[in-house]
Amino acid sequence: DFWESNLFGVRTFRGSPSKAHVNVDKNLNHTISQNHFAQWLQLWFETIDELFEGELADRAKEMARRMSTGQYIHIWQNRPRE
């Protein structure tokens, strides 16, 4: 639903991806790293490239790149301070 909403403008997604990512990081003892997002991006790009081409495929990759950076920054900003 998240990607359908973002790529096609179909408002099926309700929720907070940022809150979900912060909760996952908390449950993993704050161990999510930039490498996790890099690995996800690699898999996402490989899948898009294998199955799709064109403007929408390019937009899906660019949106994922921006979102992954934003999600990691949000996680990092919401970690407990030592």
C-alpha atoms as a PDB file:
ATOM      1  CA  ASP A   1       0.000   0.000   0.000  1.00  0.00           C
ATOM      2  CA  PHE A   2       2.853   2.398   0.829  1.00  0.00           C
ATOM      3  CA  TRP A   3       4.443   2.196  -2.610  1.00  0.00           C
ATOM      4  CA  GLU A   4       1.101   2.141  -4.415  1.00  0.00           C
ATOM      5  CA  SER A   5       0.191   5.375  -2.683  1.00  0.00           C
ATOM      6  CA  ASN A   6       3.528   7.021  -3.401  1.00  0.00           C
ATOM      7  CA  LEU A   7       4.029   5.903  -6.987  1.00  0.00           C
ATOM      8  CA  PHE A   8       0.482   5.910  -8.318  1.00  0.00           C
ATOM      9  CA  GLY A   9      -1.263   8.434  -6.087  1.00  0.00           C
ATOM     10  CA  VAL A  10      -3.749   5.822  -4.885  1.00  0.00           C
ATOM     11  CA  ARG A  11      -4.410   6.659  -1.257  1.00  0.00           C
ATOM     12  CA  THR A  12      -4.486   3.146   0.174  1.00  0.00           C
ATOM     13  CA  PHE A  13      -1.703   3.572   2.716  1.00  0.00           C
ATOM     14  CA  ARG A  14      -2.402   4.756   6.221  1.00  0.00           C
ATOM     15  CA  GLY A  15       0.272   4.807   8.843  1.00  0.00           C
ATOM     16  CA  SER A  16       3.673   6.164   9.688  1.00  0.00           C
ATOM     17  CA  PRO A  17       6.709   4.538   8.062  1.00  0.00           C
ATOM     18  CA  SER A  18       8.983   6.666  10.239  1.00  0.00           C
ATOM     19  CA  LYS A  19       7.333   5.475  13.446  1.00  0.00           C
ATOM     20  CA  ALA A  20       7.511   1.868  12.241  1.00  0.00           C
ATOM     21  CA  HIS A  21      11.232   2.159  11.455  1.00  0.00           C
ATOM     22  CA  VAL A  22      11.975   3.764  14.841  1.00  0.00           C
ATOM     23  CA  ASN A  23      10.103   0.918  16.591  1.00  0.00           C
ATOM     24  CA  VAL A  24      12.011  -1.746  14.642  1.00  0.00           C
ATOM     25  CA  ASP A  25      15.304  -0.058  15.532  1.00  0.00           C
ATOM     26  CA  LYS A  26      14.252   0.061  19.193  1.00  0.00           C
ATOM     27  CA  ASN A  27      13.332  -3.654  19.130  1.00  0.00           C
ATOM     28  CA  LEU A  28      16.757  -4.413  17.620  1.00  0.00           C
ATOM     29  CA  ASN A  29      18.554  -2.521  20.414  1.00  0.00           C
ATOM     30  CA  HIS A  30      19.234   0.443  18.120  1.00  0.00           C
ATOM     31  CA  THR A  31      21.419  -1.546  15.732  1.00  0.00           C
ATOM     32  CA  ILE A  32      19.958  -0.570  12.357  1.00  0.00           C
ATOM     33  CA  SER A  33      22.783   0.909  10.325  1.00  0.00           C
ATOM     34  CA  GLN A  34      23.235   2.687   7.023  1.00  0.00           C
ATOM     35  CA  ASN A  35      24.418  -0.670   5.659  1.00  0.00           C
ATOM     36  CA  HIS A  36      20.953  -2.138   6.210  1.00  0.00           C
ATOM     37  CA  PHE A  37      19.423   0.614   4.094  1.00  0.00           C
ATOM     38  CA  ALA A  38      22.145   0.229   1.447  1.00  0.00           C
ATOM     39  CA  GLN A  39      21.422  -3.496   1.211  1.00  0.00           C
ATOM     40  CA  TRP A  40      17.685  -2.827   0.918  1.00  0.00           C
ATOM     41  CA  LEU A  41      18.306  -0.234  -1.808  1.00  0.00           C
ATOM     42  CA  GLN A  42      20.468  -2.674  -3.741  1.00  0.00           C
ATOM     43  CA  LEU A  43      17.730  -5.319  -3.636  1.00  0.00           C
ATOM     44  CA  TRP A  44      15.086  -2.738  -4.562  1.00  0.00           C
ATOM     45  CA  PHE A  45      17.103  -1.469  -7.544  1.00  0.00           C
ATOM     46  CA  GLU A  46      17.855  -5.010  -8.755  1.00  0.00           C
ATOM     47  CA  THR A  47      14.167  -5.924  -8.562  1.00  0.00           C
ATOM     48  CA  ILE A  48      13.024  -2.762 -10.328  1.00  0.00           C
ATOM     49  CA  ASP A  49      15.656  -3.215 -13.053  1.00  0.00           C
ATOM     50  CA  GLU A  50      14.680  -6.853 -13.567  1.00  0.00           C
ATOM     51  CA  LEU A  51      10.949  -6.262 -13.824  1.00  0.00           C
ATOM     52  CA  PHE A  52      10.381  -2.688 -14.998  1.00  0.00           C
ATOM     53  CA  GLU A  53      11.787   0.092 -17.129  1.00  0.00           C
ATOM     54  CA  GLY A  54      10.942   3.662 -17.943  1.00  0.00           C
ATOM     55  CA  GLU A  55      10.049   6.829 -16.128  1.00  0.00           C
ATOM     56  CA  LEU A  56       8.030   5.210 -13.346  1.00  0.00           C
ATOM     57  CA  ALA A  57      10.811   2.699 -12.640  1.00  0.00           C
ATOM     58  CA  ASP A  58      13.326   5.539 -12.438  1.00  0.00           C
ATOM     59  CA  ARG A  59      11.001   7.462 -10.123  1.00  0.00           C
ATOM     60  CA  ALA A  60      10.593   4.399  -7.875  1.00  0.00           C
ATOM     61  CA  LYS A  61      14.362   4.140  -7.509  1.00  0.00           C
ATOM     62  CA  GLU A  62      14.831   7.851  -6.841  1.00  0.00           C
ATOM     63  CA  MET A  63      12.007   7.927  -4.296  1.00  0.00           C
ATOM     64  CA  ALA A  64      13.487   4.904  -2.527  1.00  0.00           C
ATOM     65  CA  ARG A  65      16.900   6.561  -2.415  1.00  0.00           C
ATOM     66  CA  ARG A  66      15.492   9.712  -0.823  1.00  0.00           C
ATOM     67  CA  MET A  67      13.206   7.819   1.556  1.00  0.00           C
ATOM     68  CA  SER A  68      15.926   5.482   2.783  1.00  0.00           C
ATOM     69  CA  THR A  69      18.140   8.455   3.654  1.00  0.00           C
ATOM     70  CA  GLY A  70      15.285  10.209   5.417  1.00  0.00           C
ATOM     71  CA  GLN A  71      14.258   7.097   7.332  1.00  0.00           C
ATOM     72  CA  TYR A  72      17.793   6.470   8.582  1.00  0.00           C
ATOM     73  CA  ILE A  73      18.173  10.081   9.690  1.00  0.00           C
ATOM     74  CA  HIS A  74      14.829   9.863  11.498  1.00  0.00           C
ATOM     75  CA  ILE A  75      15.909   6.658  13.245  1.00  0.00           C
ATOM     76  CA  TRP A  76      19.214   8.206  14.281  1.00  0.00           C
ATOM     77  CA  GLN A  77      17.523  11.363  15.614  1.00  0.00           C
ATOM     78  CA  ASN A  78      15.114   9.294  17.721  1.00  0.00           C
ATOM     79  CA  ARG A  79      17.708   7.133  19.433  1.00  0.00           C
ATOM     80  CA  PRO A  80      18.244   7.635  23.137  1.00  0.00           C
ATOM     81  CA  ARG A  81      21.061  10.019  23.969  1.00  0.00           C
ATOM     82  CA  GLU A  82      23.880   8.693  26.078  1.00  0.00           C
END
